[in-house]
ModelCIF file with pLDDT and N, C-alpha, C, O atoms, coordinates in Angstrom:
data_MODEL
#
_entry.id   MODEL 
#
_entity.id                         1 
_entity.type                       polymer 
_entity.pdbx_number_of_molecules   1 
#
_entity_poly.entity_id                      1 
_entity_poly.type                           'polypeptide(L)' 
_entity_poly.nstd_linkage                   no 
_entity_poly.nstd_monomer                   no 
_entity_poly.pdbx_seq_one_letter_code       ARLLPGAGVAERFLFGEPEPAPRALTAGREPLRAGMAELLERAVTESR 
_entity_poly.pdbx_seq_one_letter_code_can   ARLLPGAGVAERFLFGEPEPAPRALTAGREPLRAGMAELLERAVTESR 
_entity_poly.pdbx_strand_id                 A 
#
loop_
_entity_poly_seq.entity_id 
_entity_poly_seq.num 
_entity_poly_seq.mon_id 
_entity_poly_seq.hetero 
1 1  ALA n 
1 2  ARG n 
1 3  LEU n 
1 4  LEU n 
1 5  PRO n 
1 6  GLY n 
1 7  ALA n 
1 8  GLY n 
1 9  VAL n 
1 10 ALA n 
1 11 GLU n 
1 12 ARG n 
1 13 PHE n 
1 14 LEU n 
1 15 PHE n 
1 16 GLY n 
1 17 GLU n 
1 18 PRO n 
1 19 GLU n 
1 20 PRO n 
1 21 ALA n 
1 22 PRO n 
1 23 ARG n 
1 24 ALA n 
1 25 LEU n 
1 26 THR n 
1 27 ALA n 
1 28 GLY n 
1 29 ARG n 
1 30 GLU n 
1 31 PRO n 
1 32 LEU n 
1 33 ARG n 
1 34 ALA n 
1 35 GLY n 
1 36 MET n 
1 37 ALA n 
1 38 GLU n 
1 39 LEU n 
1 40 LEU n 
1 41 GLU n 
1 42 ARG n 
1 43 ALA n 
1 44 VAL n 
1 45 THR n 
1 46 GLU n 
1 47 SER n 
1 48 ARG n 
#
_struct_asym.id          A 
_struct_asym.entity_id   1 
#
loop_
_ma_qa_metric.id 
_ma_qa_metric.mode 
_ma_qa_metric.name 
_ma_qa_metric.software_group_id 
_ma_qa_metric.type 
1 global pLDDT . pLDDT 
2 local  pLDDT . pLDDT 
#
_ma_qa_metric_global.metric_id      1 
_ma_qa_metric_global.metric_value   70.71 
_ma_qa_metric_global.model_id       1 
_ma_qa_metric_global.ordinal_id     1 
#
loop_
_ma_qa_metric_local.label_asym_id 
_ma_qa_metric_local.label_comp_id 
_ma_qa_metric_local.label_seq_id 
_ma_qa_metric_local.metric_id 
_ma_qa_metric_local.metric_value 
_ma_qa_metric_local.model_id 
_ma_qa_metric_local.ordinal_id 
A ALA 1  2 50.00 1 1  
A ARG 2  2 56.00 1 2  
A LEU 3  2 56.00 1 3  
A LEU 4  2 55.00 1 4  
A PRO 5  2 56.00 1 5  
A GLY 6  2 57.00 1 6  
A ALA 7  2 56.00 1 7  
A GLY 8  2 58.00 1 8  
A VAL 9  2 53.00 1 9  
A ALA 10 2 54.00 1 10 
A GLU 11 2 57.00 1 11 
A ARG 12 2 56.00 1 12 
A PHE 13 2 49.00 1 13 
A LEU 14 2 53.00 1 14 
A PHE 15 2 56.00 1 15 
A GLY 16 2 57.00 1 16 
A GLU 17 2 55.00 1 17 
A PRO 18 2 57.00 1 18 
A GLU 19 2 57.00 1 19 
A PRO 20 2 58.00 1 20 
A ALA 21 2 60.00 1 21 
A PRO 22 2 64.00 1 22 
A ARG 23 2 68.00 1 23 
A ALA 24 2 65.00 1 24 
A LEU 25 2 66.00 1 25 
A THR 26 2 69.00 1 26 
A ALA 27 2 72.00 1 27 
A GLY 28 2 78.00 1 28 
A ARG 29 2 86.00 1 29 
A GLU 30 2 86.00 1 30 
A PRO 31 2 88.00 1 31 
A LEU 32 2 89.00 1 32 
A ARG 33 2 89.00 1 33 
A ALA 34 2 90.00 1 34 
A GLY 35 2 88.00 1 35 
A MET 36 2 91.00 1 36 
A ALA 37 2 90.00 1 37 
A GLU 38 2 87.00 1 38 
A LEU 39 2 87.00 1 39 
A LEU 40 2 90.00 1 40 
A GLU 41 2 87.00 1 41 
A ARG 42 2 84.00 1 42 
A ALA 43 2 83.00 1 43 
A VAL 44 2 85.00 1 44 
A THR 45 2 84.00 1 45 
A GLU 46 2 85.00 1 46 
A SER 47 2 89.00 1 47 
A ARG 48 2 88.00 1 48 
#
loop_
_atom_site.group_PDB 
_atom_site.id 
_atom_site.type_symbol 
_atom_site.label_atom_id 
_atom_site.label_alt_id 
_atom_site.label_comp_id 
_atom_site.label_asym_id 
_atom_site.label_entity_id 
_atom_site.label_seq_id 
_atom_site.pdbx_PDB_ins_code 
_atom_site.Cartn_x 
_atom_site.Cartn_y 
_atom_site.Cartn_z 
_atom_site.occupancy 
_atom_site.B_iso_or_equiv 
_atom_site.pdbx_formal_charge 
_atom_site.auth_seq_id 
_atom_site.auth_comp_id 
_atom_site.auth_asym_id 
_atom_site.auth_atom_id 
_atom_site.pdbx_PDB_model_num 
ATOM 1   N N  . ALA A 1 1  ? 0.821  -1.214 0.000   1.00 50.00 ? 1  ALA A N  1 
ATOM 2   C CA . ALA A 1 1  ? 0.000  0.000  0.000   1.00 50.00 ? 1  ALA A CA 1 
ATOM 3   C C  . ALA A 1 1  ? 0.850  1.257  0.000   1.00 50.00 ? 1  ALA A C  1 
ATOM 4   O O  . ALA A 1 1  ? 0.436  2.288  -0.531  1.00 50.00 ? 1  ALA A O  1 
ATOM 5   N N  . ARG A 1 2  ? 2.045  1.182  0.596   1.00 56.00 ? 2  ARG A N  1 
ATOM 6   C CA . ARG A 1 2  ? 2.910  2.361  0.655   1.00 56.00 ? 2  ARG A CA 1 
ATOM 7   C C  . ARG A 1 2  ? 3.394  2.782  -0.725  1.00 56.00 ? 2  ARG A C  1 
ATOM 8   O O  . ARG A 1 2  ? 3.851  3.911  -0.904  1.00 56.00 ? 2  ARG A O  1 
ATOM 9   N N  . LEU A 1 3  ? 3.297  1.880  -1.707  1.00 56.00 ? 3  LEU A N  1 
ATOM 10  C CA . LEU A 1 3  ? 3.725  2.196  -3.064  1.00 56.00 ? 3  LEU A CA 1 
ATOM 11  C C  . LEU A 1 3  ? 2.651  2.925  -3.847  1.00 56.00 ? 3  LEU A C  1 
ATOM 12  O O  . LEU A 1 3  ? 2.936  3.470  -4.914  1.00 56.00 ? 3  LEU A O  1 
ATOM 13  N N  . LEU A 1 4  ? 1.415  2.951  -3.344  1.00 55.00 ? 4  LEU A N  1 
ATOM 14  C CA . LEU A 1 4  ? 0.303  3.539  -4.073  1.00 55.00 ? 4  LEU A CA 1 
ATOM 15  C C  . LEU A 1 4  ? 0.273  5.049  -3.885  1.00 55.00 ? 4  LEU A C  1 
ATOM 16  O O  . LEU A 1 4  ? 0.756  5.565  -2.877  1.00 55.00 ? 4  LEU A O  1 
ATOM 17  N N  . PRO A 1 5  ? -0.320 5.790  -4.902  1.00 56.00 ? 5  PRO A N  1 
ATOM 18  C CA . PRO A 1 5  ? -0.456 7.249  -4.752  1.00 56.00 ? 5  PRO A CA 1 
ATOM 19  C C  . PRO A 1 5  ? -1.259 7.607  -3.512  1.00 56.00 ? 5  PRO A C  1 
ATOM 20  O O  . PRO A 1 5  ? -2.277 6.981  -3.216  1.00 56.00 ? 5  PRO A O  1 
ATOM 21  N N  . GLY A 1 6  ? -0.793 8.615  -2.795  1.00 57.00 ? 6  GLY A N  1 
ATOM 22  C CA . GLY A 1 6  ? -1.501 9.065  -1.595  1.00 57.00 ? 6  GLY A CA 1 
ATOM 23  C C  . GLY A 1 6  ? -1.295 8.189  -0.388  1.00 57.00 ? 6  GLY A C  1 
ATOM 24  O O  . GLY A 1 6  ? -1.957 8.381  0.631   1.00 57.00 ? 6  GLY A O  1 
ATOM 25  N N  . ALA A 1 7  ? -0.380 7.217  -0.476  1.00 56.00 ? 7  ALA A N  1 
ATOM 26  C CA . ALA A 1 7  ? -0.193 6.281  0.633   1.00 56.00 ? 7  ALA A CA 1 
ATOM 27  C C  . ALA A 1 7  ? 0.296  6.990  1.889   1.00 56.00 ? 7  ALA A C  1 
ATOM 28  O O  . ALA A 1 7  ? -0.083 6.622  3.001   1.00 56.00 ? 7  ALA A O  1 
ATOM 29  N N  . GLY A 1 8  ? 1.153  8.023  1.711   1.00 58.00 ? 8  GLY A N  1 
ATOM 30  C CA . GLY A 1 8  ? 1.681  8.709  2.884   1.00 58.00 ? 8  GLY A CA 1 
ATOM 31  C C  . GLY A 1 8  ? 0.592  9.381  3.693   1.00 58.00 ? 8  GLY A C  1 
ATOM 32  O O  . GLY A 1 8  ? 0.605  9.324  4.923   1.00 58.00 ? 8  GLY A O  1 
ATOM 33  N N  . VAL A 1 9  ? -0.361 10.024 3.007   1.00 53.00 ? 9  VAL A N  1 
ATOM 34  C CA . VAL A 1 9  ? -1.454 10.687 3.711   1.00 53.00 ? 9  VAL A CA 1 
ATOM 35  C C  . VAL A 1 9  ? -2.304 9.676  4.462   1.00 53.00 ? 9  VAL A C  1 
ATOM 36  O O  . VAL A 1 9  ? -2.654 9.886  5.624   1.00 53.00 ? 9  VAL A O  1 
ATOM 37  N N  . ALA A 1 10 ? -2.645 8.548  3.772   1.00 54.00 ? 10 ALA A N  1 
ATOM 38  C CA . ALA A 1 10 ? -3.484 7.525  4.402   1.00 54.00 ? 10 ALA A CA 1 
ATOM 39  C C  . ALA A 1 10 ? -2.789 6.916  5.617   1.00 54.00 ? 10 ALA A C  1 
ATOM 40  O O  . ALA A 1 10 ? -3.432 6.669  6.638   1.00 54.00 ? 10 ALA A O  1 
ATOM 41  N N  . GLU A 1 11 ? -1.487 6.673  5.518   1.00 57.00 ? 11 GLU A N  1 
ATOM 42  C CA . GLU A 1 11 ? -0.769 6.047  6.627   1.00 57.00 ? 11 GLU A CA 1 
ATOM 43  C C  . GLU A 1 11 ? -0.713 6.982  7.832   1.00 57.00 ? 11 GLU A C  1 
ATOM 44  O O  . GLU A 1 11 ? -0.846 6.537  8.972   1.00 57.00 ? 11 GLU A O  1 
ATOM 45  N N  . ARG A 1 12 ? -0.515 8.294  7.578   1.00 56.00 ? 12 ARG A N  1 
ATOM 46  C CA . ARG A 1 12 ? -0.502 9.233  8.698   1.00 56.00 ? 12 ARG A CA 1 
ATOM 47  C C  . ARG A 1 12 ? -1.867 9.303  9.374   1.00 56.00 ? 12 ARG A C  1 
ATOM 48  O O  . ARG A 1 12 ? -1.961 9.450  10.593  1.00 56.00 ? 12 ARG A O  1 
ATOM 49  N N  . PHE A 1 13 ? -2.942 9.192  8.554   1.00 49.00 ? 13 PHE A N  1 
ATOM 50  C CA . PHE A 1 13 ? -4.289 9.227  9.113   1.00 49.00 ? 13 PHE A CA 1 
ATOM 51  C C  . PHE A 1 13 ? -4.559 8.003  9.986   1.00 49.00 ? 13 PHE A C  1 
ATOM 52  O O  . PHE A 1 13 ? -5.137 8.118  11.066  1.00 49.00 ? 13 PHE A O  1 
ATOM 53  N N  . LEU A 1 14 ? -4.127 6.813  9.502   1.00 53.00 ? 14 LEU A N  1 
ATOM 54  C CA . LEU A 1 14 ? -4.419 5.575  10.215  1.00 53.00 ? 14 LEU A CA 1 
ATOM 55  C C  . LEU A 1 14 ? -3.551 5.396  11.454  1.00 53.00 ? 14 LEU A C  1 
ATOM 56  O O  . LEU A 1 14 ? -4.034 4.940  12.491  1.00 53.00 ? 14 LEU A O  1 
ATOM 57  N N  . PHE A 1 15 ? -2.278 5.751  11.352  1.00 56.00 ? 15 PHE A N  1 
ATOM 58  C CA . PHE A 1 15 ? -1.344 5.430  12.425  1.00 56.00 ? 15 PHE A CA 1 
ATOM 59  C C  . PHE A 1 15 ? -0.885 6.649  13.214  1.00 56.00 ? 15 PHE A C  1 
ATOM 60  O O  . PHE A 1 15 ? -0.058 6.543  14.119  1.00 56.00 ? 15 PHE A O  1 
ATOM 61  N N  . GLY A 1 16 ? -1.426 7.796  12.864  1.00 57.00 ? 16 GLY A N  1 
ATOM 62  C CA . GLY A 1 16 ? -1.158 8.975  13.670  1.00 57.00 ? 16 GLY A CA 1 
ATOM 63  C C  . GLY A 1 16 ? 0.234  9.537  13.512  1.00 57.00 ? 16 GLY A C  1 
ATOM 64  O O  . GLY A 1 16 ? 0.716  10.233 14.406  1.00 57.00 ? 16 GLY A O  1 
ATOM 65  N N  . GLU A 1 17 ? 0.913  9.252  12.377  1.00 55.00 ? 17 GLU A N  1 
ATOM 66  C CA . GLU A 1 17 ? 2.238  9.823  12.187  1.00 55.00 ? 17 GLU A CA 1 
ATOM 67  C C  . GLU A 1 17 ? 2.101  11.316 11.953  1.00 55.00 ? 17 GLU A C  1 
ATOM 68  O O  . GLU A 1 17 ? 1.138  11.750 11.320  1.00 55.00 ? 17 GLU A O  1 
ATOM 69  N N  . PRO A 1 18 ? 3.031  12.110 12.444  1.00 57.00 ? 18 PRO A N  1 
ATOM 70  C CA . PRO A 1 18 ? 2.899  13.572 12.366  1.00 57.00 ? 18 PRO A CA 1 
ATOM 71  C C  . PRO A 1 18 ? 3.020  14.088 10.936  1.00 57.00 ? 18 PRO A C  1 
ATOM 72  O O  . PRO A 1 18 ? 3.792  13.551 10.143  1.00 57.00 ? 18 PRO A O  1 
ATOM 73  N N  . GLU A 1 19 ? 2.261  15.127 10.609  1.00 57.00 ? 19 GLU A N  1 
ATOM 74  C CA . GLU A 1 19 ? 2.374  15.818 9.333   1.00 57.00 ? 19 GLU A CA 1 
ATOM 75  C C  . GLU A 1 19 ? 3.698  16.584 9.293   1.00 57.00 ? 19 GLU A C  1 
ATOM 76  O O  . GLU A 1 19 ? 4.201  17.008 10.334  1.00 57.00 ? 19 GLU A O  1 
ATOM 77  N N  . PRO A 1 20 ? 4.269  16.763 8.086   1.00 58.00 ? 20 PRO A N  1 
ATOM 78  C CA . PRO A 1 20 ? 5.474  17.598 8.003   1.00 58.00 ? 20 PRO A CA 1 
ATOM 79  C C  . PRO A 1 20 ? 5.174  19.000 8.502   1.00 58.00 ? 20 PRO A C  1 
ATOM 80  O O  . PRO A 1 20 ? 4.074  19.517 8.307   1.00 58.00 ? 20 PRO A O  1 
ATOM 81  N N  . ALA A 1 21 ? 6.143  19.604 9.139   1.00 60.00 ? 21 ALA A N  1 
ATOM 82  C CA . ALA A 1 21 ? 5.959  20.949 9.682   1.00 60.00 ? 21 ALA A CA 1 
ATOM 83  C C  . ALA A 1 21 ? 5.658  21.923 8.549   1.00 60.00 ? 21 ALA A C  1 
ATOM 84  O O  . ALA A 1 21 ? 6.386  21.944 7.556   1.00 60.00 ? 21 ALA A O  1 
ATOM 85  N N  . PRO A 1 22 ? 4.593  22.740 8.670   1.00 64.00 ? 22 PRO A N  1 
ATOM 86  C CA . PRO A 1 22 ? 4.248  23.696 7.611   1.00 64.00 ? 22 PRO A CA 1 
ATOM 87  C C  . PRO A 1 22 ? 5.397  24.614 7.256   1.00 64.00 ? 22 PRO A C  1 
ATOM 88  O O  . PRO A 1 22 ? 5.593  24.934 6.084   1.00 64.00 ? 22 PRO A O  1 
ATOM 89  N N  . ARG A 1 23 ? 6.162  25.044 8.254   1.00 68.00 ? 23 ARG A N  1 
ATOM 90  C CA . ARG A 1 23 ? 7.279  25.953 7.979   1.00 68.00 ? 23 ARG A CA 1 
ATOM 91  C C  . ARG A 1 23 ? 8.334  25.267 7.114   1.00 68.00 ? 23 ARG A C  1 
ATOM 92  O O  . ARG A 1 23 ? 8.913  25.885 6.220   1.00 68.00 ? 23 ARG A O  1 
ATOM 93  N N  . ALA A 1 24 ? 8.582  23.968 7.390   1.00 65.00 ? 24 ALA A N  1 
ATOM 94  C CA . ALA A 1 24 ? 9.572  23.232 6.594   1.00 65.00 ? 24 ALA A CA 1 
ATOM 95  C C  . ALA A 1 24 ? 9.090  23.081 5.158   1.00 65.00 ? 24 ALA A C  1 
ATOM 96  O O  . ALA A 1 24 ? 9.875  23.208 4.220   1.00 65.00 ? 24 ALA A O  1 
ATOM 97  N N  . LEU A 1 25 ? 7.785  22.806 4.984   1.00 66.00 ? 25 LEU A N  1 
ATOM 98  C CA . LEU A 1 25 ? 7.239  22.691 3.641   1.00 66.00 ? 25 LEU A CA 1 
ATOM 99  C C  . LEU A 1 25 ? 7.387  24.007 2.884   1.00 66.00 ? 25 LEU A C  1 
ATOM 100 O O  . LEU A 1 25 ? 7.803  24.015 1.725   1.00 66.00 ? 25 LEU A O  1 
ATOM 101 N N  . THR A 1 26 ? 7.054  25.096 3.520   1.00 69.00 ? 26 THR A N  1 
ATOM 102 C CA . THR A 1 26 ? 7.140  26.405 2.887   1.00 69.00 ? 26 THR A CA 1 
ATOM 103 C C  . THR A 1 26 ? 8.567  26.714 2.472   1.00 69.00 ? 26 THR A C  1 
ATOM 104 O O  . THR A 1 26 ? 8.802  27.210 1.370   1.00 69.00 ? 26 THR A O  1 
ATOM 105 N N  . ALA A 1 27 ? 9.519  26.424 3.343   1.00 72.00 ? 27 ALA A N  1 
ATOM 106 C CA . ALA A 1 27 ? 10.924 26.683 3.031   1.00 72.00 ? 27 ALA A CA 1 
ATOM 107 C C  . ALA A 1 27 ? 11.389 25.834 1.857   1.00 72.00 ? 27 ALA A C  1 
ATOM 108 O O  . ALA A 1 27 ? 12.150 26.301 1.009   1.00 72.00 ? 27 ALA A O  1 
ATOM 109 N N  . GLY A 1 28 ? 10.928 24.582 1.807   1.00 78.00 ? 28 GLY A N  1 
ATOM 110 C CA . GLY A 1 28 ? 11.346 23.707 0.725   1.00 78.00 ? 28 GLY A CA 1 
ATOM 111 C C  . GLY A 1 28 ? 10.785 24.113 -0.622  1.00 78.00 ? 28 GLY A C  1 
ATOM 112 O O  . GLY A 1 28 ? 11.370 23.808 -1.661  1.00 78.00 ? 28 GLY A O  1 
ATOM 113 N N  . ARG A 1 29 ? 9.651  24.801 -0.611  1.00 86.00 ? 29 ARG A N  1 
ATOM 114 C CA . ARG A 1 29 ? 9.022  25.209 -1.869  1.00 86.00 ? 29 ARG A CA 1 
ATOM 115 C C  . ARG A 1 29 ? 9.458  26.593 -2.326  1.00 86.00 ? 29 ARG A C  1 
ATOM 116 O O  . ARG A 1 29 ? 9.128  27.011 -3.436  1.00 86.00 ? 29 ARG A O  1 
ATOM 117 N N  . GLU A 1 30 ? 10.178 27.290 -1.503  1.00 86.00 ? 30 GLU A N  1 
ATOM 118 C CA . GLU A 1 30 ? 10.575 28.655 -1.837  1.00 86.00 ? 30 GLU A CA 1 
ATOM 119 C C  . GLU A 1 30 ? 11.393 28.739 -3.128  1.00 86.00 ? 30 GLU A C  1 
ATOM 120 O O  . GLU A 1 30 ? 11.148 29.637 -3.934  1.00 86.00 ? 30 GLU A O  1 
ATOM 121 N N  . PRO A 1 31 ? 12.367 27.825 -3.359  1.00 88.00 ? 31 PRO A N  1 
ATOM 122 C CA . PRO A 1 31 ? 13.105 27.895 -4.632  1.00 88.00 ? 31 PRO A CA 1 
ATOM 123 C C  . PRO A 1 31 ? 12.201 27.726 -5.851  1.00 88.00 ? 31 PRO A C  1 
ATOM 124 O O  . PRO A 1 31 ? 12.441 28.340 -6.891  1.00 88.00 ? 31 PRO A O  1 
ATOM 125 N N  . LEU A 1 32 ? 11.148 26.884 -5.726  1.00 89.00 ? 32 LEU A N  1 
ATOM 126 C CA . LEU A 1 32 ? 10.226 26.710 -6.839  1.00 89.00 ? 32 LEU A CA 1 
ATOM 127 C C  . LEU A 1 32 ? 9.477  28.004 -7.121  1.00 89.00 ? 32 LEU A C  1 
ATOM 128 O O  . LEU A 1 32 ? 9.309  28.397 -8.275  1.00 89.00 ? 32 LEU A O  1 
ATOM 129 N N  . ARG A 1 33 ? 9.029  28.662 -6.058  1.00 89.00 ? 33 ARG A N  1 
ATOM 130 C CA . ARG A 1 33 ? 8.303  29.909 -6.224  1.00 89.00 ? 33 ARG A CA 1 
ATOM 131 C C  . ARG A 1 33 ? 9.210  31.002 -6.793  1.00 89.00 ? 33 ARG A C  1 
ATOM 132 O O  . ARG A 1 33 ? 8.790  31.800 -7.631  1.00 89.00 ? 33 ARG A O  1 
ATOM 133 N N  . ALA A 1 34 ? 10.454 31.023 -6.325  1.00 90.00 ? 34 ALA A N  1 
ATOM 134 C CA . ALA A 1 34 ? 11.396 32.025 -6.823  1.00 90.00 ? 34 ALA A CA 1 
ATOM 135 C C  . ALA A 1 34 ? 11.675 31.795 -8.305  1.00 90.00 ? 34 ALA A C  1 
ATOM 136 O O  . ALA A 1 34 ? 11.767 32.742 -9.085  1.00 90.00 ? 34 ALA A O  1 
ATOM 137 N N  . GLY A 1 35 ? 11.807 30.512 -8.684  1.00 88.00 ? 35 GLY A N  1 
ATOM 138 C CA . GLY A 1 35 ? 12.038 30.199 -10.089 1.00 88.00 ? 35 GLY A CA 1 
ATOM 139 C C  . GLY A 1 35 ? 10.873 30.610 -10.964 1.00 88.00 ? 35 GLY A C  1 
ATOM 140 O O  . GLY A 1 35 ? 11.072 31.150 -12.052 1.00 88.00 ? 35 GLY A O  1 
ATOM 141 N N  . MET A 1 36 ? 9.654  30.359 -10.497 1.00 91.00 ? 36 MET A N  1 
ATOM 142 C CA . MET A 1 36 ? 8.474  30.761 -11.260 1.00 91.00 ? 36 MET A CA 1 
ATOM 143 C C  . MET A 1 36 ? 8.377  32.281 -11.352 1.00 91.00 ? 36 MET A C  1 
ATOM 144 O O  . MET A 1 36 ? 8.013  32.816 -12.399 1.00 91.00 ? 36 MET A O  1 
ATOM 145 N N  . ALA A 1 37 ? 8.698  32.973 -10.271 1.00 90.00 ? 37 ALA A N  1 
ATOM 146 C CA . ALA A 1 37 ? 8.659  34.441 -10.287 1.00 90.00 ? 37 ALA A CA 1 
ATOM 147 C C  . ALA A 1 37 ? 9.657  34.992 -11.303 1.00 90.00 ? 37 ALA A C  1 
ATOM 148 O O  . ALA A 1 37 ? 9.360  35.955 -12.010 1.00 90.00 ? 37 ALA A O  1 
ATOM 149 N N  . GLU A 1 38 ? 10.842 34.381 -11.374 1.00 87.00 ? 38 GLU A N  1 
ATOM 150 C CA . GLU A 1 38 ? 11.852 34.826 -12.330 1.00 87.00 ? 38 GLU A CA 1 
ATOM 151 C C  . GLU A 1 38 ? 11.371 34.635 -13.762 1.00 87.00 ? 38 GLU A C  1 
ATOM 152 O O  . GLU A 1 38 ? 11.560 35.508 -14.609 1.00 87.00 ? 38 GLU A O  1 
ATOM 153 N N  . LEU A 1 39 ? 10.732 33.462 -14.038 1.00 87.00 ? 39 LEU A N  1 
ATOM 154 C CA . LEU A 1 39 ? 10.224 33.195 -15.375 1.00 87.00 ? 39 LEU A CA 1 
ATOM 155 C C  . LEU A 1 39 ? 9.141  34.189 -15.767 1.00 87.00 ? 39 LEU A C  1 
ATOM 156 O O  . LEU A 1 39 ? 9.122  34.680 -16.895 1.00 87.00 ? 39 LEU A O  1 
ATOM 157 N N  . LEU A 1 40 ? 8.232  34.489 -14.830 1.00 90.00 ? 40 LEU A N  1 
ATOM 158 C CA . LEU A 1 40 ? 7.164  35.432 -15.127 1.00 90.00 ? 40 LEU A CA 1 
ATOM 159 C C  . LEU A 1 40 ? 7.706  36.833 -15.385 1.00 90.00 ? 40 LEU A C  1 
ATOM 160 O O  . LEU A 1 40 ? 7.192  37.564 -16.232 1.00 90.00 ? 40 LEU A O  1 
ATOM 161 N N  . GLU A 1 41 ? 8.749  37.198 -14.644 1.00 87.00 ? 41 GLU A N  1 
ATOM 162 C CA . GLU A 1 41 ? 9.368  38.514 -14.861 1.00 87.00 ? 41 GLU A CA 1 
ATOM 163 C C  . GLU A 1 41 ? 10.048 38.576 -16.214 1.00 87.00 ? 41 GLU A C  1 
ATOM 164 O O  . GLU A 1 41 ? 9.950  39.579 -16.922 1.00 87.00 ? 41 GLU A O  1 
ATOM 165 N N  . ARG A 1 42 ? 10.740 37.496 -16.575 1.00 84.00 ? 42 ARG A N  1 
ATOM 166 C CA . ARG A 1 42 ? 11.395 37.454 -17.882 1.00 84.00 ? 42 ARG A CA 1 
ATOM 167 C C  . ARG A 1 42 ? 10.380 37.513 -19.013 1.00 84.00 ? 42 ARG A C  1 
ATOM 168 O O  . ARG A 1 42 ? 10.632 38.127 -20.049 1.00 84.00 ? 42 ARG A O  1 
ATOM 169 N N  . ALA A 1 43 ? 9.208  36.860 -18.809 1.00 83.00 ? 43 ALA A N  1 
ATOM 170 C CA . ALA A 1 43 ? 8.180  36.858 -19.843 1.00 83.00 ? 43 ALA A CA 1 
ATOM 171 C C  . ALA A 1 43 ? 7.676  38.261 -20.146 1.00 83.00 ? 43 ALA A C  1 
ATOM 172 O O  . ALA A 1 43 ? 7.228  38.543 -21.258 1.00 83.00 ? 43 ALA A O  1 
ATOM 173 N N  . VAL A 1 44 ? 7.751  39.140 -19.151 1.00 85.00 ? 44 VAL A N  1 
ATOM 174 C CA . VAL A 1 44 ? 7.289  40.519 -19.333 1.00 85.00 ? 44 VAL A CA 1 
ATOM 175 C C  . VAL A 1 44 ? 8.355  41.371 -19.992 1.00 85.00 ? 44 VAL A C  1 
ATOM 176 O O  . VAL A 1 44 ? 8.040  42.257 -20.787 1.00 85.00 ? 44 VAL A O  1 
ATOM 177 N N  . THR A 1 45 ? 9.612  41.114 -19.672 1.00 84.00 ? 45 THR A N  1 
ATOM 178 C CA . THR A 1 45 ? 10.683 42.027 -20.083 1.00 84.00 ? 45 THR A CA 1 
ATOM 179 C C  . THR A 1 45 ? 11.457 41.576 -21.327 1.00 84.00 ? 45 THR A C  1 
ATOM 180 O O  . THR A 1 45 ? 12.008 42.421 -22.032 1.00 84.00 ? 45 THR A O  1 
ATOM 181 N N  . GLU A 1 46 ? 11.516 40.275 -21.615 1.00 85.00 ? 46 GLU A N  1 
ATOM 182 C CA . GLU A 1 46 ? 12.374 39.840 -22.717 1.00 85.00 ? 46 GLU A CA 1 
ATOM 183 C C  . GLU A 1 46 ? 11.710 40.074 -24.076 1.00 85.00 ? 46 GLU A C  1 
ATOM 184 O O  . GLU A 1 46 ? 10.485 40.112 -24.187 1.00 85.00 ? 46 GLU A O  1 
ATOM 185 N N  . SER A 1 47 ? 12.535 40.227 -25.091 1.00 89.00 ? 47 SER A N  1 
ATOM 186 C CA . SER A 1 47 ? 12.054 40.490 -26.442 1.00 89.00 ? 47 SER A CA 1 
ATOM 187 C C  . SER A 1 47 ? 11.575 39.206 -27.106 1.00 89.00 ? 47 SER A C  1 
ATOM 188 O O  . SER A 1 47 ? 11.778 38.115 -26.574 1.00 89.00 ? 47 SER A O  1 
ATOM 189 N N  . ARG A 1 48 ? 10.940 39.336 -28.269 1.00 88.00 ? 48 ARG A N  1 
ATOM 190 C CA . ARG A 1 48 ? 10.479 38.165 -29.015 1.00 88.00 ? 48 ARG A CA 1 
ATOM 191 C C  . ARG A 1 48 ? 11.666 37.303 -29.422 1.00 88.00 ? 48 ARG A C  1 
ATOM 192 O O  . ARG A 1 48 ? 11.487 36.266 -30.061 1.00 88.00 ? 48 ARG A O  1 
#
């Protein structure tokens, strides 16, 4: 079952394992957001 999609969420629900800390999740996603922000800025400023 651990190999199936969504298995981590189901296992935490059944066995009470703690959710990842929201702050840690936010920090881990920051590079993705920064990369997307850079692309959107370039889309506005770069030439054809």
